[in-house]
Amino acid sequence: MISKALLLIGSPRGERSNSLQLGTYLMDRLREQGVATETAFAAKLAKSAEGRRQLLTAVDEADLLVLAFPLYVDCLPSQTIRALELIHEHRKAMPKRQLFLAIVNCGFPEPHQNQTAIDICKRFAKETGLEWAGAACISSGMTIKGKPLQESDEFLVPLIKGLDNAAKLLAKGEPLPPEAEALLYLPLVPVPTVHALIVSGENIWNRLASPKALERMYDRPYEK
């Protein structure tokens, strides 16, 4: 069993972010399992000496770290990366078992667009001495609209069920097995809508591309 979980909000939007709503829902479910929780706005705290002290103190006290952030150009927001660098340096002097879970959401319709960011988080956990607990890989995150998940449309039901299941496992100190992660690897819109968005996006970019650019749009020189 874990005693305390720390939610690290990695979104520059802070209290107005979808990341906060996703992380808060998981924290609420963990509290129902008897786990104490705390929330820290990592991107903001990393900007000042006092904020960095508060951030690292909160990290020291947690058994589970949950990082919730939006996808920025296949990566994490720069302020969030800075916060992770601070945690990495600090952890060198604290060989304590801690689980690390990532929750990433993007505006693209396909969940796999988040994969590079998830791989970065996994590498961070390995290099920092944290135990990788899994990831929630969410696309079309803008449909949350900054509202509590319980107030959102019915197509968020699968996500809510996945987070409920994750909370039960994490409260026991267990990393998420593949089948539990699979419940958190999903778009927040129906599959037909995903396909329609992909086709629409491709058509828009093809119209915007100049005739000369269009000829080389699918070139992959890095594969040669």
Protein backbone atom coordinates (compact mmCIF):
# COMPACT_ATOMS: atom_id res chain seq x y z
CA MET A 1 0.00 0.00 0.00
CA ILE A 2 1.12 3.56 -0.66
CA SER A 3 0.54 6.34 1.86
CA LYS A 4 0.73 9.50 -0.25
CA ALA A 5 0.41 10.48 -3.90
CA LEU A 6 1.63 13.71 -5.46
CA LEU A 7 -0.04 15.10 -8.57
CA LEU A 8 2.38 17.19 -10.62
CA ILE A 9 0.58 19.48 -13.04
CA GLY A 10 2.80 20.07 -16.04
CA SER A 11 0.48 22.37 -17.97
CA PRO A 12 1.26 26.08 -18.29
CA ARG A 13 -2.50 26.64 -18.09
CA GLY A 14 -2.43 25.52 -14.44
CA GLU A 15 -5.84 25.59 -12.80
CA ARG A 16 -7.59 26.04 -16.17
CA SER A 17 -6.04 22.95 -17.72
CA ASN A 18 -7.46 19.62 -18.83
CA SER A 19 -4.38 18.08 -17.21
CA LEU A 20 -5.63 19.25 -13.81
CA GLN A 21 -9.04 17.67 -14.38
CA LEU A 22 -7.53 14.35 -15.44
CA GLY A 23 -5.11 14.24 -12.52
CA THR A 24 -7.67 15.44 -9.98
CA TYR A 25 -10.07 12.67 -10.90
CA LEU A 26 -7.37 10.06 -10.26
CA MET A 27 -6.40 11.72 -6.97
CA ASP A 28 -10.03 11.68 -5.82
CA ARG A 29 -10.23 7.96 -6.49
CA LEU A 30 -6.95 7.36 -4.64
CA ARG A 31 -8.29 9.19 -1.60
CA GLU A 32 -11.27 6.82 -1.64
CA GLN A 33 -8.68 4.03 -1.33
CA GLY A 34 -7.21 5.69 1.79
CA VAL A 35 -4.27 7.42 0.07
CA ALA A 36 -3.36 10.98 1.09
CA THR A 37 -2.90 13.28 -1.90
CA GLU A 38 -1.31 16.61 -2.77
CA THR A 39 -1.25 18.71 -5.93
CA ALA A 40 1.71 20.80 -7.10
CA PHE A 41 1.82 23.02 -10.18
CA ALA A 42 5.27 21.90 -11.25
CA ALA A 43 5.68 24.24 -14.22
CA LYS A 44 4.99 27.26 -12.01
CA LEU A 45 6.97 26.14 -8.95
CA ALA A 46 10.12 25.53 -10.99
CA LYS A 47 10.41 29.26 -11.71
CA SER A 48 11.46 30.42 -8.22
CA ALA A 49 13.81 29.28 -5.45
CA GLU A 50 10.97 28.99 -2.93
CA GLY A 51 8.81 27.19 -5.46
CA ARG A 52 11.57 24.69 -6.17
CA ARG A 53 11.96 24.05 -2.42
CA GLN A 54 8.22 23.39 -2.11
CA LEU A 55 8.25 21.12 -5.13
CA LEU A 56 11.12 18.95 -3.93
CA THR A 57 9.72 18.73 -0.40
CA ALA A 58 6.44 17.46 -1.82
CA VAL A 59 8.33 14.93 -3.96
CA ASP A 60 10.22 13.65 -0.91
CA GLU A 61 6.98 12.95 0.95
CA ALA A 62 5.24 10.99 -1.82
CA ASP A 63 5.17 7.29 -2.61
CA LEU A 64 3.54 7.88 -6.00
CA LEU A 65 4.27 10.72 -8.43
CA VAL A 66 1.65 11.39 -11.10
CA LEU A 67 2.66 13.80 -13.86
CA ALA A 68 -0.22 15.20 -15.93
CA PHE A 69 0.65 17.35 -18.93
CA PRO A 70 -0.38 18.34 -22.47
CA LEU A 71 1.56 17.33 -25.56
CA TYR A 72 3.72 20.13 -26.94
CA VAL A 73 5.33 19.27 -30.32
CA ASP A 74 5.77 15.56 -29.48
CA CYS A 75 7.23 16.47 -26.08
CA LEU A 76 6.55 18.01 -22.68
CA PRO A 77 6.20 21.76 -22.04
CA SER A 78 9.62 23.35 -21.41
CA GLN A 79 8.72 24.46 -17.88
CA THR A 80 7.74 20.91 -17.05
CA ILE A 81 11.01 19.58 -18.39
CA ARG A 82 12.79 22.00 -16.07
CA ALA A 83 10.83 20.67 -13.10
CA LEU A 84 11.76 17.09 -14.03
CA GLU A 85 15.42 18.07 -14.27
CA LEU A 86 15.22 19.42 -10.72
CA ILE A 87 13.61 16.22 -9.48
CA HIS A 88 16.24 14.14 -11.27
CA GLU A 89 19.10 15.99 -9.56
CA HIS A 90 17.37 15.87 -6.18
CA ARG A 91 16.61 12.16 -6.33
CA LYS A 92 20.32 11.31 -6.42
CA ALA A 93 20.39 11.83 -2.66
CA MET A 94 17.11 10.00 -1.93
CA PRO A 95 17.07 6.29 -2.85
CA LYS A 96 13.41 5.81 -1.88
CA ARG A 97 11.01 3.55 -3.77
CA GLN A 98 8.55 5.74 -5.62
CA LEU A 99 6.14 4.93 -8.42
CA PHE A 100 5.84 7.29 -11.40
CA LEU A 101 2.77 7.52 -13.64
CA ALA A 102 2.33 9.83 -16.63
CA ILE A 103 -0.96 11.25 -17.92
CA VAL A 104 -0.55 12.92 -21.30
CA ASN A 105 -3.28 14.40 -23.47
CA CYS A 106 -3.13 15.93 -26.93
CA GLY A 107 -5.46 17.59 -29.40
CA PHE A 108 -4.76 15.07 -32.15
CA PRO A 109 -7.44 12.43 -32.78
CA GLU A 110 -5.00 9.49 -32.51
CA PRO A 111 -3.62 8.36 -29.11
CA HIS A 112 -0.32 7.20 -30.63
CA GLN A 113 0.65 10.84 -31.20
CA ASN A 114 1.57 10.85 -27.47
CA GLN A 115 3.99 7.94 -27.70
CA THR A 116 7.21 9.95 -27.98
CA ALA A 117 6.31 11.95 -24.86
CA ILE A 118 5.50 8.74 -23.00
CA ASP A 119 8.86 7.28 -24.00
CA ILE A 120 10.54 10.43 -22.65
CA CYS A 121 8.72 9.97 -19.34
CA LYS A 122 9.76 6.31 -19.16
CA ARG A 123 13.38 7.27 -19.75
CA PHE A 124 13.11 9.98 -17.08
CA ALA A 125 11.81 7.41 -14.60
CA LYS A 126 14.65 5.01 -15.39
CA GLU A 127 17.38 7.65 -15.16
CA THR A 128 15.91 9.10 -11.96
CA GLY A 129 15.48 5.82 -10.10
CA LEU A 130 11.69 5.89 -10.14
CA GLU A 131 9.60 2.79 -10.76
CA TRP A 132 7.59 3.18 -13.95
CA ALA A 133 3.92 2.62 -13.17
CA GLY A 134 2.46 3.17 -16.63
CA ALA A 135 0.76 5.92 -18.59
CA ALA A 136 -2.61 7.26 -19.62
CA CYS A 137 -2.40 8.11 -23.32
CA ILE A 138 -5.32 10.38 -24.26
CA SER A 139 -6.16 12.05 -27.55
CA SER A 140 -8.76 14.74 -28.36
CA GLY A 141 -8.19 16.06 -24.85
CA MET A 142 -9.81 19.39 -25.71
CA THR A 143 -13.19 17.67 -25.37
CA ILE A 144 -12.73 17.80 -21.57
CA LYS A 145 -13.09 21.59 -21.81
CA GLY A 146 -11.41 22.18 -18.45
CA LYS A 147 -14.36 20.64 -16.59
CA PRO A 148 -14.45 17.82 -14.01
CA LEU A 149 -14.66 14.49 -15.81
CA GLN A 150 -17.93 13.65 -14.10
CA GLU A 151 -19.53 16.67 -15.82
CA SER A 152 -18.34 15.74 -19.30
CA ASP A 153 -20.12 13.91 -22.09
CA GLU A 154 -20.86 10.19 -21.99
CA PHE A 155 -17.99 9.30 -24.33
CA LEU A 156 -15.62 9.91 -21.39
CA VAL A 157 -17.10 6.90 -19.57
CA PRO A 158 -14.35 4.49 -20.79
CA LEU A 159 -11.66 6.90 -19.55
CA ILE A 160 -13.35 7.21 -16.16
CA LYS A 161 -13.54 3.43 -15.83
CA GLY A 162 -9.86 3.15 -16.76
CA LEU A 163 -8.86 5.70 -14.12
CA ASP A 164 -11.04 3.99 -11.51
CA ASN A 165 -9.27 0.71 -12.21
CA ALA A 166 -5.84 2.38 -12.16
CA ALA A 167 -6.51 3.96 -8.77
CA LYS A 168 -7.24 0.58 -7.19
CA LEU A 169 -3.96 -0.87 -8.45
CA LEU A 170 -1.82 2.16 -7.66
CA ALA A 171 -3.20 2.38 -4.12
CA LYS A 172 -1.75 -1.09 -3.56
CA GLY A 173 1.63 0.10 -4.83
CA GLU A 174 1.27 -1.91 -8.04
CA PRO A 175 2.38 -0.65 -11.48
CA LEU A 176 -0.32 -0.89 -14.13
CA PRO A 177 -0.21 -4.16 -16.11
CA PRO A 178 -0.65 -3.96 -19.92
CA GLU A 179 -4.38 -4.65 -19.74
CA ALA A 180 -4.89 -1.75 -17.31
CA GLU A 181 -2.81 0.60 -19.48
CA ALA A 182 -4.86 -0.46 -22.51
CA LEU A 183 -7.95 0.97 -20.81
CA LEU A 184 -6.18 4.35 -20.71
CA TYR A 185 -4.97 4.34 -24.33
CA LEU A 186 -7.92 5.88 -26.08
CA PRO A 187 -9.39 8.82 -27.99
CA LEU A 188 -12.08 10.86 -26.27
CA VAL A 189 -14.27 10.90 -29.37
CA PRO A 190 -15.98 8.00 -31.20
CA VAL A 191 -13.82 6.03 -33.65
CA PRO A 192 -15.80 7.20 -36.75
CA THR A 193 -15.15 10.78 -35.66
CA VAL A 194 -11.42 10.02 -35.33
CA HIS A 195 -11.30 8.77 -38.92
CA ALA A 196 -13.28 11.78 -40.15
CA LEU A 197 -10.90 14.18 -38.38
CA ILE A 198 -7.85 12.48 -39.90
CA VAL A 199 -9.25 12.68 -43.42
CA SER A 200 -10.35 16.28 -42.92
CA GLY A 201 -6.92 17.26 -41.58
CA GLU A 202 -5.12 15.65 -44.50
CA ASN A 203 -7.34 17.45 -46.98
CA ILE A 204 -6.78 20.81 -45.30
CA TRP A 205 -2.98 20.45 -45.31
CA ASN A 206 -2.98 19.29 -48.93
CA ARG A 207 -4.94 22.40 -49.96
CA LEU A 208 -2.62 24.67 -47.98
CA ALA A 209 0.55 23.22 -49.45
CA SER A 210 1.94 24.96 -52.51
CA PRO A 211 2.22 22.82 -55.67
CA LYS A 212 6.01 22.73 -55.32
CA ALA A 213 5.91 21.79 -51.63
CA LEU A 214 3.23 19.19 -52.27
CA GLU A 215 5.57 17.26 -54.55
CA ARG A 216 7.97 16.65 -51.65
CA MET A 217 5.52 16.54 -48.75
CA TYR A 218 6.06 12.83 -48.14
CA ASP A 219 9.84 12.79 -48.59
CA ARG A 220 11.72 11.03 -45.77
CA PRO A 221 15.38 11.96 -46.23
CA TYR A 222 16.21 10.78 -42.71
CA GLU A 223 15.49 7.19 -43.77
CA LYS A 224 18.19 7.18 -46.46
